[in-house]
Amino acid sequence: MSDERAFILRLKQKQDRLNQILDQFSNLDLLVIGDLTLDEFLTGEVERLSREAPVLILRHEETQQIPGGGANAVYNLAKLGAKIRVAGYVGDDIQGETLLKIFESAHIETGGIIKDGSRPTVTKTRIAGHARQSVTQQIVRVDRKSDDLPSEDLQSQLAHYIDSQLSHVSGVVCSDYGDGVFTQPIIASSLNHHLLVVDTQKDLHRFCGATLFTPNLPEAELAVGYAIKDEASLLRAGKDLLDKTQAEYMLITRGEEGMSLFCYQDTQLQVEHIPAFNRTDVFDVTGAGDTVVAALSLALCSGATPWEAAVLGNLAASIVVRVFGTATTSIEEMKEALNIYLEEN
């Protein structure tokens, strides 16, 4: 029997259990610490070339503003029905106010968002255009951000907020996009919770002792310092990452190859490979990692095994990659997608 066929049979046996886990999401309260970003999408129709410079002139049609970066992880968790508290920084600017309003409209607790008047809200503005009746294409992206770290006073305020919330939440998620939130005091406070899921792009060892990490393949390769090109190097990387981080579990997400979950059991390395639910209808992977983290974290907090949690994270990602742009999913969509997958296989 093939590994994928064995996975499908196991999944069929677990379907009721997975649906029960999904039903528990609305009972959970999580704290998300993250680099909060506002994603802007400006779209227009190309009218002509400018006389001022060799650039296109667009007639503006629409501006869309949605949570990005760590804010996308926050939004994904909220859309899956959980009660979410968020900790991070925004600037004292209109972009920060927009992000706060988006969160508040989704009933996300924003008491842990601190305004930093010395730094802008991280904002990524994508400008896209199209000729009449043609495909819209991105032309340029404009980023607003500062490379300066928050002041020690603001770091202390944020760490104090995190400490005050730990006894009230089922789990903590760290969504690190490298924009200045995760200084040493913040990391130290986050590690005080017994269930900590970390999604970071680099320097995984800073969160040494966390429950579970979710690096994608390039992030895992960066962390171990060598290419992951076959089964042997994948197993080596899983072991090296567990040893480097002292984590209980390491989940390497591998795109169309699915995911690989690593842990130690009685000093022996254990690995479980989870095939991708969707290999063909992939239009945009933007933010898919945040969706994985959201569903995975909620499942762990619901009492799921790490394998069950990884399966639900994988399932959630298979839905959002079908949509252009940063997207979210829901419990109902996940149940339906699981049912369709099992009927087709």
C-alpha atoms as a PDB file:
ATOM      1  CA  MET A   1       0.000   0.000   0.000  1.00  0.00           C
ATOM      2  CA  SER A   2       1.360   3.443  -0.921  1.00  0.00           C
ATOM      3  CA  ASP A   3       2.045   6.042   1.769  1.00  0.00           C
ATOM      4  CA  GLU A   4      -0.635   8.325   0.301  1.00  0.00           C
ATOM      5  CA  ARG A   5      -3.218   5.537   0.235  1.00  0.00           C
ATOM      6  CA  ALA A   6      -2.419   4.718   3.873  1.00  0.00           C
ATOM      7  CA  PHE A   7      -2.838   8.413   4.706  1.00  0.00           C
ATOM      8  CA  ILE A   8      -6.280   8.513   3.045  1.00  0.00           C
ATOM      9  CA  LEU A   9      -7.445   5.431   4.950  1.00  0.00           C
ATOM     10  CA  ARG A  10      -6.223   6.928   8.209  1.00  0.00           C
ATOM     11  CA  LEU A  11      -7.976  10.173   7.349  1.00  0.00           C
ATOM     12  CA  LYS A  12     -11.276   8.379   6.725  1.00  0.00           C
ATOM     13  CA  GLN A  13     -10.990   6.738  10.137  1.00  0.00           C
ATOM     14  CA  LYS A  14     -10.308  10.130  11.709  1.00  0.00           C
ATOM     15  CA  GLN A  15     -12.943  12.211   9.882  1.00  0.00           C
ATOM     16  CA  ASP A  16     -15.423  12.355  12.775  1.00  0.00           C
ATOM     17  CA  ARG A  17     -12.624  13.104  15.207  1.00  0.00           C
ATOM     18  CA  LEU A  18     -11.298  15.939  13.017  1.00  0.00           C
ATOM     19  CA  ASN A  19     -14.780  17.454  12.720  1.00  0.00           C
ATOM     20  CA  GLN A  20     -15.137  17.311  16.522  1.00  0.00           C
ATOM     21  CA  ILE A  21     -11.827  19.165  16.886  1.00  0.00           C
ATOM     22  CA  LEU A  22     -13.010  21.853  14.464  1.00  0.00           C
ATOM     23  CA  ASP A  23     -16.173  22.289  16.530  1.00  0.00           C
ATOM     24  CA  GLN A  24     -14.030  23.132  19.564  1.00  0.00           C
ATOM     25  CA  PHE A  25     -12.358  26.152  17.961  1.00  0.00           C
ATOM     26  CA  SER A  26     -15.053  28.611  19.057  1.00  0.00           C
ATOM     27  CA  ASN A  27     -14.438  27.702  22.718  1.00  0.00           C
ATOM     28  CA  LEU A  28     -10.792  28.770  22.662  1.00  0.00           C
ATOM     29  CA  ASP A  29      -9.002  31.938  23.706  1.00  0.00           C
ATOM     30  CA  LEU A  30      -5.545  32.545  22.211  1.00  0.00           C
ATOM     31  CA  LEU A  31      -2.887  35.235  22.421  1.00  0.00           C
ATOM     32  CA  VAL A  32      -1.122  36.144  19.180  1.00  0.00           C
ATOM     33  CA  ILE A  33       2.105  38.134  19.302  1.00  0.00           C
ATOM     34  CA  GLY A  34       3.113  39.390  15.897  1.00  0.00           C
ATOM     35  CA  ASP A  35       4.595  41.874  13.475  1.00  0.00           C
ATOM     36  CA  LEU A  36       1.396  43.608  12.432  1.00  0.00           C
ATOM     37  CA  THR A  37       1.199  44.656   8.792  1.00  0.00           C
ATOM     38  CA  LEU A  38      -1.442  46.350   6.666  1.00  0.00           C
ATOM     39  CA  ASP A  39      -1.631  45.059   3.093  1.00  0.00           C
ATOM     40  CA  GLU A  40      -3.017  47.562   0.561  1.00  0.00           C
ATOM     41  CA  PHE A  41      -4.056  46.701  -2.973  1.00  0.00           C
ATOM     42  CA  LEU A  42      -4.585  49.641  -5.356  1.00  0.00           C
ATOM     43  CA  THR A  43      -6.078  48.714  -8.711  1.00  0.00           C
ATOM     44  CA  GLY A  44      -6.700  50.803 -11.810  1.00  0.00           C
ATOM     45  CA  GLU A  45      -7.116  50.754 -15.563  1.00  0.00           C
ATOM     46  CA  VAL A  46      -4.164  51.762 -17.703  1.00  0.00           C
ATOM     47  CA  GLU A  47      -5.030  54.943 -19.616  1.00  0.00           C
ATOM     48  CA  ARG A  48      -1.774  55.954 -21.294  1.00  0.00           C
ATOM     49  CA  LEU A  49       1.931  56.627 -20.769  1.00  0.00           C
ATOM     50  CA  SER A  50       2.812  59.697 -18.767  1.00  0.00           C
ATOM     51  CA  ARG A  51       4.529  62.652 -20.420  1.00  0.00           C
ATOM     52  CA  GLU A  52       6.401  63.326 -17.167  1.00  0.00           C
ATOM     53  CA  ALA A  53       8.266  60.013 -17.098  1.00  0.00           C
ATOM     54  CA  PRO A  54       8.191  56.617 -18.861  1.00  0.00           C
ATOM     55  CA  VAL A  55       5.519  55.258 -16.553  1.00  0.00           C
ATOM     56  CA  LEU A  56       1.903  54.169 -16.843  1.00  0.00           C
ATOM     57  CA  ILE A  57      -0.989  56.366 -15.768  1.00  0.00           C
ATOM     58  CA  LEU A  58      -3.728  54.388 -14.011  1.00  0.00           C
ATOM     59  CA  ARG A  59      -7.281  55.528 -13.443  1.00  0.00           C
ATOM     60  CA  HIS A  60      -7.943  54.407  -9.870  1.00  0.00           C
ATOM     61  CA  GLU A  61     -10.755  51.858  -9.490  1.00  0.00           C
ATOM     62  CA  GLU A  62     -10.416  50.254  -6.063  1.00  0.00           C
ATOM     63  CA  THR A  63      -8.350  50.229  -2.881  1.00  0.00           C
ATOM     64  CA  GLN A  64      -8.513  47.171  -0.662  1.00  0.00           C
ATOM     65  CA  GLN A  65      -6.929  47.050   2.806  1.00  0.00           C
ATOM     66  CA  ILE A  66      -6.512  43.757   4.656  1.00  0.00           C
ATOM     67  CA  PRO A  67      -4.353  42.392   7.494  1.00  0.00           C
ATOM     68  CA  GLY A  68      -0.930  41.133   6.421  1.00  0.00           C
ATOM     69  CA  GLY A  69       2.137  39.649   8.072  1.00  0.00           C
ATOM     70  CA  GLY A  70       1.451  38.715  11.675  1.00  0.00           C
ATOM     71  CA  ALA A  71      -1.895  40.501  11.427  1.00  0.00           C
ATOM     72  CA  ASN A  72      -2.958  37.911   8.857  1.00  0.00           C
ATOM     73  CA  ALA A  73      -2.286  35.148  11.397  1.00  0.00           C
ATOM     74  CA  VAL A  74      -4.462  37.062  13.874  1.00  0.00           C
ATOM     75  CA  TYR A  75      -7.251  37.452  11.337  1.00  0.00           C
ATOM     76  CA  ASN A  76      -7.105  33.786  10.291  1.00  0.00           C
ATOM     77  CA  LEU A  77      -7.516  32.678  13.901  1.00  0.00           C
ATOM     78  CA  ALA A  78     -10.462  34.990  14.426  1.00  0.00           C
ATOM     79  CA  LYS A  79     -12.168  33.820  11.224  1.00  0.00           C
ATOM     80  CA  LEU A  80     -11.887  30.248  12.500  1.00  0.00           C
ATOM     81  CA  GLY A  81     -14.069  31.237  15.440  1.00  0.00           C
ATOM     82  CA  ALA A  82     -11.629  31.607  18.307  1.00  0.00           C
ATOM     83  CA  LYS A  83     -11.458  34.513  20.767  1.00  0.00           C
ATOM     84  CA  ILE A  84      -8.218  36.289  19.951  1.00  0.00           C
ATOM     85  CA  ARG A  85      -6.083  38.738  21.903  1.00  0.00           C
ATOM     86  CA  VAL A  86      -3.302  40.401  19.944  1.00  0.00           C
ATOM     87  CA  ALA A  87      -0.005  41.892  21.104  1.00  0.00           C
ATOM     88  CA  GLY A  88       2.193  44.049  18.896  1.00  0.00           C
ATOM     89  CA  TYR A  89       2.866  47.572  17.653  1.00  0.00           C
ATOM     90  CA  VAL A  90       1.318  49.932  15.140  1.00  0.00           C
ATOM     91  CA  GLY A  91       2.353  53.448  14.252  1.00  0.00           C
ATOM     92  CA  ASP A  92       0.427  56.539  15.279  1.00  0.00           C
ATOM     93  CA  ASP A  93      -0.906  56.869  11.738  1.00  0.00           C
ATOM     94  CA  ILE A  94      -3.935  56.243   9.546  1.00  0.00           C
ATOM     95  CA  GLN A  95      -2.668  52.786   8.578  1.00  0.00           C
ATOM     96  CA  GLY A  96      -2.524  51.785  12.231  1.00  0.00           C
ATOM     97  CA  GLU A  97      -6.045  53.065  12.796  1.00  0.00           C
ATOM     98  CA  THR A  98      -7.232  51.092   9.788  1.00  0.00           C
ATOM     99  CA  LEU A  99      -5.719  47.892  11.163  1.00  0.00           C
ATOM    100  CA  LEU A 100      -7.309  48.483  14.574  1.00  0.00           C
ATOM    101  CA  LYS A 101     -10.719  49.023  12.967  1.00  0.00           C
ATOM    102  CA  ILE A 102     -10.385  45.801  10.953  1.00  0.00           C
ATOM    103  CA  PHE A 103      -9.547  43.883  14.116  1.00  0.00           C
ATOM    104  CA  GLU A 104     -12.334  45.437  16.137  1.00  0.00           C
ATOM    105  CA  SER A 105     -14.880  44.643  13.420  1.00  0.00           C
ATOM    106  CA  ALA A 106     -13.773  40.994  13.703  1.00  0.00           C
ATOM    107  CA  HIS A 107     -14.207  41.135  17.516  1.00  0.00           C
ATOM    108  CA  ILE A 108     -10.468  40.791  18.137  1.00  0.00           C
ATOM    109  CA  GLU A 109      -9.218  42.100  21.488  1.00  0.00           C
ATOM    110  CA  THR A 110      -6.780  44.940  20.700  1.00  0.00           C
ATOM    111  CA  GLY A 111      -5.753  45.972  24.225  1.00  0.00           C
ATOM    112  CA  GLY A 112      -2.254  44.610  23.624  1.00  0.00           C
ATOM    113  CA  ILE A 113      -1.587  46.738  20.533  1.00  0.00           C
ATOM    114  CA  ILE A 114       0.746  49.579  21.470  1.00  0.00           C
ATOM    115  CA  LYS A 115       1.095  52.719  19.371  1.00  0.00           C
ATOM    116  CA  ASP A 116       4.690  53.581  18.529  1.00  0.00           C
ATOM    117  CA  GLY A 117       4.866  57.221  17.467  1.00  0.00           C
ATOM    118  CA  SER A 118       8.470  56.881  16.290  1.00  0.00           C
ATOM    119  CA  ARG A 119       7.836  54.145  13.727  1.00  0.00           C
ATOM    120  CA  PRO A 120       5.179  53.760  11.006  1.00  0.00           C
ATOM    121  CA  THR A 121       2.720  50.907  10.800  1.00  0.00           C
ATOM    122  CA  VAL A 122       4.318  48.361   8.496  1.00  0.00           C
ATOM    123  CA  THR A 123       2.371  48.797   5.244  1.00  0.00           C
ATOM    124  CA  LYS A 124       2.841  47.033   1.930  1.00  0.00           C
ATOM    125  CA  THR A 125       1.057  48.763  -0.934  1.00  0.00           C
ATOM    126  CA  ARG A 126       0.720  46.787  -4.160  1.00  0.00           C
ATOM    127  CA  ILE A 127      -0.254  48.792  -7.231  1.00  0.00           C
ATOM    128  CA  ALA A 128      -1.786  46.797 -10.052  1.00  0.00           C
ATOM    129  CA  GLY A 129      -3.184  47.767 -13.437  1.00  0.00           C
ATOM    130  CA  HIS A 130      -4.950  46.331 -16.426  1.00  0.00           C
ATOM    131  CA  ALA A 131      -5.851  47.343 -19.933  1.00  0.00           C
ATOM    132  CA  ARG A 132      -9.533  47.196 -20.839  1.00  0.00           C
ATOM    133  CA  GLN A 133     -10.844  43.618 -20.562  1.00  0.00           C
ATOM    134  CA  SER A 134      -7.414  42.183 -19.738  1.00  0.00           C
ATOM    135  CA  VAL A 135      -5.794  40.502 -16.748  1.00  0.00           C
ATOM    136  CA  THR A 136      -4.784  42.707 -13.808  1.00  0.00           C
ATOM    137  CA  GLN A 137      -1.047  42.601 -13.083  1.00  0.00           C
ATOM    138  CA  GLN A 138       1.027  44.001 -10.221  1.00  0.00           C
ATOM    139  CA  ILE A 139       3.224  46.866 -11.372  1.00  0.00           C
ATOM    140  CA  VAL A 140       5.066  47.962  -8.246  1.00  0.00           C
ATOM    141  CA  ARG A 141       5.026  47.516  -4.466  1.00  0.00           C
ATOM    142  CA  VAL A 142       5.705  50.308  -1.976  1.00  0.00           C
ATOM    143  CA  ASP A 143       6.739  49.358   1.583  1.00  0.00           C
ATOM    144  CA  ARG A 144       6.500  51.616   4.620  1.00  0.00           C
ATOM    145  CA  LYS A 145       8.552  50.413   7.578  1.00  0.00           C
ATOM    146  CA  SER A 146      11.380  51.320   9.929  1.00  0.00           C
ATOM    147  CA  ASP A 147      14.484  49.283  10.711  1.00  0.00           C
ATOM    148  CA  ASP A 148      14.694  50.839  14.180  1.00  0.00           C
ATOM    149  CA  LEU A 149      13.628  48.747  17.173  1.00  0.00           C
ATOM    150  CA  PRO A 150      10.887  49.911  19.560  1.00  0.00           C
ATOM    151  CA  SER A 151      12.133  51.800  22.615  1.00  0.00           C
ATOM    152  CA  GLU A 152      12.969  49.803  25.750  1.00  0.00           C
ATOM    153  CA  ASP A 153       9.938  51.372  27.436  1.00  0.00           C
ATOM    154  CA  LEU A 154       7.588  50.093  24.719  1.00  0.00           C
ATOM    155  CA  GLN A 155       9.223  46.669  24.836  1.00  0.00           C
ATOM    156  CA  SER A 156       8.653  46.591  28.591  1.00  0.00           C
ATOM    157  CA  GLN A 157       4.990  47.589  28.156  1.00  0.00           C
ATOM    158  CA  LEU A 158       4.404  44.840  25.617  1.00  0.00           C
ATOM    159  CA  ALA A 159       6.147  42.195  27.728  1.00  0.00           C
ATOM    160  CA  HIS A 160       4.035  43.234  30.731  1.00  0.00           C
ATOM    161  CA  TYR A 161       0.839  42.836  28.698  1.00  0.00           C
ATOM    162  CA  ILE A 162       1.897  39.381  27.502  1.00  0.00           C
ATOM    163  CA  ASP A 163       2.703  38.282  31.075  1.00  0.00           C
ATOM    164  CA  SER A 164      -0.721  39.487  32.233  1.00  0.00           C
ATOM    165  CA  GLN A 165      -2.535  37.380  29.624  1.00  0.00           C
ATOM    166  CA  LEU A 166      -0.775  34.020  29.828  1.00  0.00           C
ATOM    167  CA  SER A 167      -3.001  32.532  32.532  1.00  0.00           C
ATOM    168  CA  HIS A 168      -6.134  33.467  30.556  1.00  0.00           C
ATOM    169  CA  VAL A 169      -5.354  31.818  27.210  1.00  0.00           C
ATOM    170  CA  SER A 170      -5.168  28.241  25.930  1.00  0.00           C
ATOM    171  CA  GLY A 171      -2.097  28.900  23.830  1.00  0.00           C
ATOM    172  CA  VAL A 172       0.276  31.514  22.407  1.00  0.00           C
ATOM    173  CA  VAL A 173       1.229  32.041  18.764  1.00  0.00           C
ATOM    174  CA  CYS A 174       4.306  34.024  17.718  1.00  0.00           C
ATOM    175  CA  SER A 175       4.169  35.316  14.138  1.00  0.00           C
ATOM    176  CA  ASP A 176       7.609  36.770  13.417  1.00  0.00           C
ATOM    177  CA  TYR A 177       8.129  38.625  10.135  1.00  0.00           C
ATOM    178  CA  GLY A 178      11.310  40.367  11.286  1.00  0.00           C
ATOM    179  CA  ASP A 179       9.777  43.817  11.773  1.00  0.00           C
ATOM    180  CA  GLY A 180      10.945  44.480  15.332  1.00  0.00           C
ATOM    181  CA  VAL A 181       8.402  42.935  17.697  1.00  0.00           C
ATOM    182  CA  PHE A 182      10.441  39.948  18.830  1.00  0.00           C
ATOM    183  CA  THR A 183      13.114  41.452  21.007  1.00  0.00           C
ATOM    184  CA  GLN A 184      14.510  39.459  23.938  1.00  0.00           C
ATOM    185  CA  PRO A 185      11.953  40.609  26.568  1.00  0.00           C
ATOM    186  CA  ILE A 186       9.027  39.677  24.289  1.00  0.00           C
ATOM    187  CA  ILE A 187      10.426  36.252  23.458  1.00  0.00           C
ATOM    188  CA  ALA A 188      11.164  35.553  27.134  1.00  0.00           C
ATOM    189  CA  SER A 189       7.575  36.376  28.107  1.00  0.00           C
ATOM    190  CA  SER A 190       6.072  34.253  25.307  1.00  0.00           C
ATOM    191  CA  LEU A 191       8.092  31.219  26.398  1.00  0.00           C
ATOM    192  CA  ASN A 192       6.374  31.262  29.780  1.00  0.00           C
ATOM    193  CA  HIS A 193       3.279  29.602  28.319  1.00  0.00           C
ATOM    194  CA  HIS A 194       3.194  25.801  28.143  1.00  0.00           C
ATOM    195  CA  LEU A 195       1.815  25.784  24.563  1.00  0.00           C
ATOM    196  CA  LEU A 196       3.723  28.045  22.211  1.00  0.00           C
ATOM    197  CA  VAL A 197       3.599  27.784  18.416  1.00  0.00           C
ATOM    198  CA  VAL A 198       6.297  29.746  16.598  1.00  0.00           C
ATOM    199  CA  ASP A 199       6.237  30.850  12.961  1.00  0.00           C
ATOM    200  CA  THR A 200       9.475  32.716  12.299  1.00  0.00           C
ATOM    201  CA  GLN A 201      11.445  33.361   9.141  1.00  0.00           C
ATOM    202  CA  LYS A 202      14.905  33.088  10.694  1.00  0.00           C
ATOM    203  CA  ASP A 203      16.920  32.451  13.866  1.00  0.00           C
ATOM    204  CA  LEU A 204      14.638  29.761  15.263  1.00  0.00           C
ATOM    205  CA  HIS A 205      16.998  29.210  18.207  1.00  0.00           C
ATOM    206  CA  ARG A 206      15.818  32.505  19.766  1.00  0.00           C
ATOM    207  CA  PHE A 207      12.605  30.697  20.757  1.00  0.00           C
ATOM    208  CA  CYS A 208      14.436  27.696  22.212  1.00  0.00           C
ATOM    209  CA  GLY A 209      12.011  25.484  24.154  1.00  0.00           C
ATOM    210  CA  ALA A 210       8.814  26.358  22.240  1.00  0.00           C
ATOM    211  CA  THR A 211       6.245  23.619  21.671  1.00  0.00           C
ATOM    212  CA  LEU A 212       6.212  23.588  17.879  1.00  0.00           C
ATOM    213  CA  PHE A 213       7.834  25.438  14.969  1.00  0.00           C
ATOM    214  CA  THR A 214       6.430  25.706  11.432  1.00  0.00           C
ATOM    215  CA  PRO A 215       9.276  26.613   9.032  1.00  0.00           C
ATOM    216  CA  ASN A 216       8.717  26.286   5.311  1.00  0.00           C
ATOM    217  CA  LEU A 217      11.367  24.559   3.228  1.00  0.00           C
ATOM    218  CA  PRO A 218      13.543  27.646   2.467  1.00  0.00           C
ATOM    219  CA  GLU A 219      13.371  28.721   6.139  1.00  0.00           C
ATOM    220  CA  ALA A 220      14.365  25.236   7.261  1.00  0.00           C
ATOM    221  CA  GLU A 221      17.292  25.212   4.813  1.00  0.00           C
ATOM    222  CA  LEU A 222      18.413  28.615   6.091  1.00  0.00           C
ATOM    223  CA  ALA A 223      18.252  27.384   9.684  1.00  0.00           C
ATOM    224  CA  VAL A 224      20.280  24.204   9.109  1.00  0.00           C
ATOM    225  CA  GLY A 225      22.688  25.655   6.564  1.00  0.00           C
ATOM    226  CA  TYR A 226      22.302  23.052   3.807  1.00  0.00           C
ATOM    227  CA  ALA A 227      19.927  22.118   1.006  1.00  0.00           C
ATOM    228  CA  ILE A 228      17.040  19.762   1.710  1.00  0.00           C
ATOM    229  CA  LYS A 229      16.884  17.849  -1.556  1.00  0.00           C
ATOM    230  CA  ASP A 230      15.914  14.272  -0.694  1.00  0.00           C
ATOM    231  CA  GLU A 231      14.555  12.026   2.073  1.00  0.00           C
ATOM    232  CA  ALA A 232      17.927  11.685   3.790  1.00  0.00           C
ATOM    233  CA  SER A 233      18.575  15.434   3.994  1.00  0.00           C
ATOM    234  CA  LEU A 234      14.961  16.023   5.098  1.00  0.00           C
ATOM    235  CA  LEU A 235      15.353  13.580   8.000  1.00  0.00           C
ATOM    236  CA  ARG A 236      18.688  15.135   8.909  1.00  0.00           C
ATOM    237  CA  ALA A 237      17.142  18.609   8.873  1.00  0.00           C
ATOM    238  CA  GLY A 238      14.245  17.534  11.102  1.00  0.00           C
ATOM    239  CA  LYS A 239      16.677  16.117  13.649  1.00  0.00           C
ATOM    240  CA  ASP A 240      19.003  19.133  13.496  1.00  0.00           C
ATOM    241  CA  LEU A 241      16.112  21.570  13.921  1.00  0.00           C
ATOM    242  CA  LEU A 242      14.715  19.700  16.933  1.00  0.00           C
ATOM    243  CA  ASP A 243      18.174  19.659  18.509  1.00  0.00           C
ATOM    244  CA  LYS A 244      18.779  23.332  17.720  1.00  0.00           C
ATOM    245  CA  THR A 245      15.469  24.556  19.147  1.00  0.00           C
ATOM    246  CA  GLN A 246      14.758  21.953  21.861  1.00  0.00           C
ATOM    247  CA  ALA A 247      11.188  21.971  20.555  1.00  0.00           C
ATOM    248  CA  GLU A 248       8.723  19.167  21.161  1.00  0.00           C
ATOM    249  CA  TYR A 249       7.715  19.142  17.490  1.00  0.00           C
ATOM    250  CA  MET A 250       9.012  20.494  14.190  1.00  0.00           C
ATOM    251  CA  LEU A 251       6.674  20.844  11.205  1.00  0.00           C
ATOM    252  CA  ILE A 252       8.398  21.559   7.889  1.00  0.00           C
ATOM    253  CA  THR A 253       5.887  22.734   5.280  1.00  0.00           C
ATOM    254  CA  ARG A 254       6.940  21.681   1.782  1.00  0.00           C
ATOM    255  CA  GLY A 255       4.424  23.185  -0.652  1.00  0.00           C
ATOM    256  CA  GLU A 256       3.032  20.636  -3.102  1.00  0.00           C
ATOM    257  CA  GLU A 257       4.990  17.921  -1.282  1.00  0.00           C
ATOM    258  CA  GLY A 258       2.858  18.457   1.812  1.00  0.00           C
ATOM    259  CA  MET A 259       4.314  18.584   5.324  1.00  0.00           C
ATOM    260  CA  SER A 260       6.700  16.579   7.484  1.00  0.00           C
ATOM    261  CA  LEU A 261       6.209  16.384  11.259  1.00  0.00           C
ATOM    262  CA  PHE A 262       9.202  15.491  13.444  1.00  0.00           C
ATOM    263  CA  CYS A 263       9.535  14.634  17.133  1.00  0.00           C
ATOM    264  CA  TYR A 264      11.563  12.428  19.448  1.00  0.00           C
ATOM    265  CA  GLN A 265       9.974   9.366  21.014  1.00  0.00           C
ATOM    266  CA  ASP A 266      12.157   7.562  23.561  1.00  0.00           C
ATOM    267  CA  THR A 267      15.233   9.300  22.073  1.00  0.00           C
ATOM    268  CA  GLN A 268      14.339   7.984  18.587  1.00  0.00           C
ATOM    269  CA  LEU A 269      13.513  10.421  15.796  1.00  0.00           C
ATOM    270  CA  GLN A 270       9.946   9.978  14.520  1.00  0.00           C
ATOM    271  CA  VAL A 271       8.636  11.482  11.286  1.00  0.00           C
ATOM    272  CA  GLU A 272       5.204  11.538   9.669  1.00  0.00           C
ATOM    273  CA  HIS A 273       4.692  12.820   6.135  1.00  0.00           C
ATOM    274  CA  ILE A 274       1.349  14.464   5.336  1.00  0.00           C
ATOM    275  CA  PRO A 275       0.542  14.770   1.607  1.00  0.00           C
ATOM    276  CA  ALA A 276      -0.838  18.005   0.189  1.00  0.00           C
ATOM    277  CA  PHE A 277      -4.628  18.076  -0.108  1.00  0.00           C
ATOM    278  CA  ASN A 278      -4.478  20.330  -3.163  1.00  0.00           C
ATOM    279  CA  ARG A 279      -1.687  20.200  -5.756  1.00  0.00           C
ATOM    280  CA  THR A 280      -3.466  21.537  -8.830  1.00  0.00           C
ATOM    281  CA  ASP A 281      -5.763  24.465  -7.944  1.00  0.00           C
ATOM    282  CA  VAL A 282      -3.003  26.685  -6.566  1.00  0.00           C
ATOM    283  CA  PHE A 283      -3.362  30.313  -7.612  1.00  0.00           C
ATOM    284  CA  ASP A 284      -1.630  32.249  -4.800  1.00  0.00           C
ATOM    285  CA  VAL A 285       0.318  30.984  -1.764  1.00  0.00           C
ATOM    286  CA  THR A 286       0.396  34.444  -0.139  1.00  0.00           C
ATOM    287  CA  GLY A 287      -0.416  34.071   3.559  1.00  0.00           C
ATOM    288  CA  ALA A 288      -0.924  30.298   3.357  1.00  0.00           C
ATOM    289  CA  GLY A 289       1.652  29.788   6.113  1.00  0.00           C
ATOM    290  CA  ASP A 290      -0.407  31.981   8.446  1.00  0.00           C
ATOM    291  CA  THR A 291      -3.452  29.842   7.701  1.00  0.00           C
ATOM    292  CA  VAL A 292      -1.504  26.686   8.558  1.00  0.00           C
ATOM    293  CA  VAL A 293      -0.403  28.199  11.859  1.00  0.00           C
ATOM    294  CA  ALA A 294      -3.939  29.308  12.724  1.00  0.00           C
ATOM    295  CA  ALA A 295      -5.661  25.961  12.183  1.00  0.00           C
ATOM    296  CA  LEU A 296      -2.750  24.010  13.652  1.00  0.00           C
ATOM    297  CA  SER A 297      -2.602  26.120  16.815  1.00  0.00           C
ATOM    298  CA  LEU A 298      -6.335  25.951  17.448  1.00  0.00           C
ATOM    299  CA  ALA A 299      -6.302  22.194  16.937  1.00  0.00           C
ATOM    300  CA  LEU A 300      -3.461  21.734  19.441  1.00  0.00           C
ATOM    301  CA  CYS A 301      -5.331  23.881  21.975  1.00  0.00           C
ATOM    302  CA  SER A 302      -8.413  21.683  21.377  1.00  0.00           C
ATOM    303  CA  GLY A 303      -6.510  18.588  22.444  1.00  0.00           C
ATOM    304  CA  ALA A 304      -5.601  17.298  18.988  1.00  0.00           C
ATOM    305  CA  THR A 305      -2.502  15.213  18.502  1.00  0.00           C
ATOM    306  CA  PRO A 306       0.251  16.988  16.558  1.00  0.00           C
ATOM    307  CA  TRP A 307      -0.571  14.782  13.527  1.00  0.00           C
ATOM    308  CA  GLU A 308      -4.255  15.741  13.676  1.00  0.00           C
ATOM    309  CA  ALA A 309      -3.303  19.407  14.092  1.00  0.00           C
ATOM    310  CA  ALA A 310      -0.915  19.286  11.122  1.00  0.00           C
ATOM    311  CA  VAL A 311      -3.596  17.644   8.959  1.00  0.00           C
ATOM    312  CA  LEU A 312      -6.054  20.439   9.767  1.00  0.00           C
ATOM    313  CA  GLY A 313      -3.392  23.084   9.078  1.00  0.00           C
ATOM    314  CA  ASN A 314      -2.683  21.422   5.743  1.00  0.00           C
ATOM    315  CA  LEU A 315      -6.394  21.268   4.941  1.00  0.00           C
ATOM    316  CA  ALA A 316      -6.897  24.969   5.721  1.00  0.00           C
ATOM    317  CA  ALA A 317      -3.964  25.974   3.515  1.00  0.00           C
ATOM    318  CA  SER A 318      -5.337  23.909   0.619  1.00  0.00           C
ATOM    319  CA  ILE A 319      -8.402  26.164   0.630  1.00  0.00           C
ATOM    320  CA  VAL A 320      -6.773  29.610   0.776  1.00  0.00           C
ATOM    321  CA  VAL A 321      -4.241  28.908  -2.007  1.00  0.00           C
ATOM    322  CA  ARG A 322      -7.190  28.665  -4.414  1.00  0.00           C
ATOM    323  CA  VAL A 323      -7.821  32.401  -3.966  1.00  0.00           C
ATOM    324  CA  PHE A 324      -5.730  35.332  -5.217  1.00  0.00           C
ATOM    325  CA  GLY A 325      -4.301  37.509  -2.445  1.00  0.00           C
ATOM    326  CA  THR A 326      -4.207  37.017   1.308  1.00  0.00           C
ATOM    327  CA  ALA A 327      -7.240  34.918   2.252  1.00  0.00           C
ATOM    328  CA  THR A 328      -8.874  33.190   5.203  1.00  0.00           C
ATOM    329  CA  THR A 329     -11.111  30.153   5.599  1.00  0.00           C
ATOM    330  CA  SER A 330     -13.830  28.969   7.981  1.00  0.00           C
ATOM    331  CA  ILE A 331     -14.858  25.860   9.903  1.00  0.00           C
ATOM    332  CA  GLU A 332     -17.655  25.143   7.427  1.00  0.00           C
ATOM    333  CA  GLU A 333     -15.311  25.406   4.430  1.00  0.00           C
ATOM    334  CA  MET A 334     -12.809  23.088   6.098  1.00  0.00           C
ATOM    335  CA  LYS A 335     -15.424  20.443   6.865  1.00  0.00           C
ATOM    336  CA  GLU A 336     -16.721  20.619   3.306  1.00  0.00           C
ATOM    337  CA  ALA A 337     -13.212  20.426   1.816  1.00  0.00           C
ATOM    338  CA  LEU A 338     -12.379  17.388   3.950  1.00  0.00           C
ATOM    339  CA  ASN A 339     -15.563  15.649   2.921  1.00  0.00           C
ATOM    340  CA  ILE A 340     -14.997  16.368  -0.779  1.00  0.00           C
ATOM    341  CA  TYR A 341     -11.398  15.177  -0.590  1.00  0.00           C
ATOM    342  CA  LEU A 342     -12.407  11.863   0.990  1.00  0.00           C
ATOM    343  CA  GLU A 343     -15.270  11.340  -1.465  1.00  0.00           C
ATOM    344  CA  GLU A 344     -12.897  11.876  -4.388  1.00  0.00           C
ATOM    345  CA  ASN A 345     -10.251   9.552  -2.973  1.00  0.00           C
END
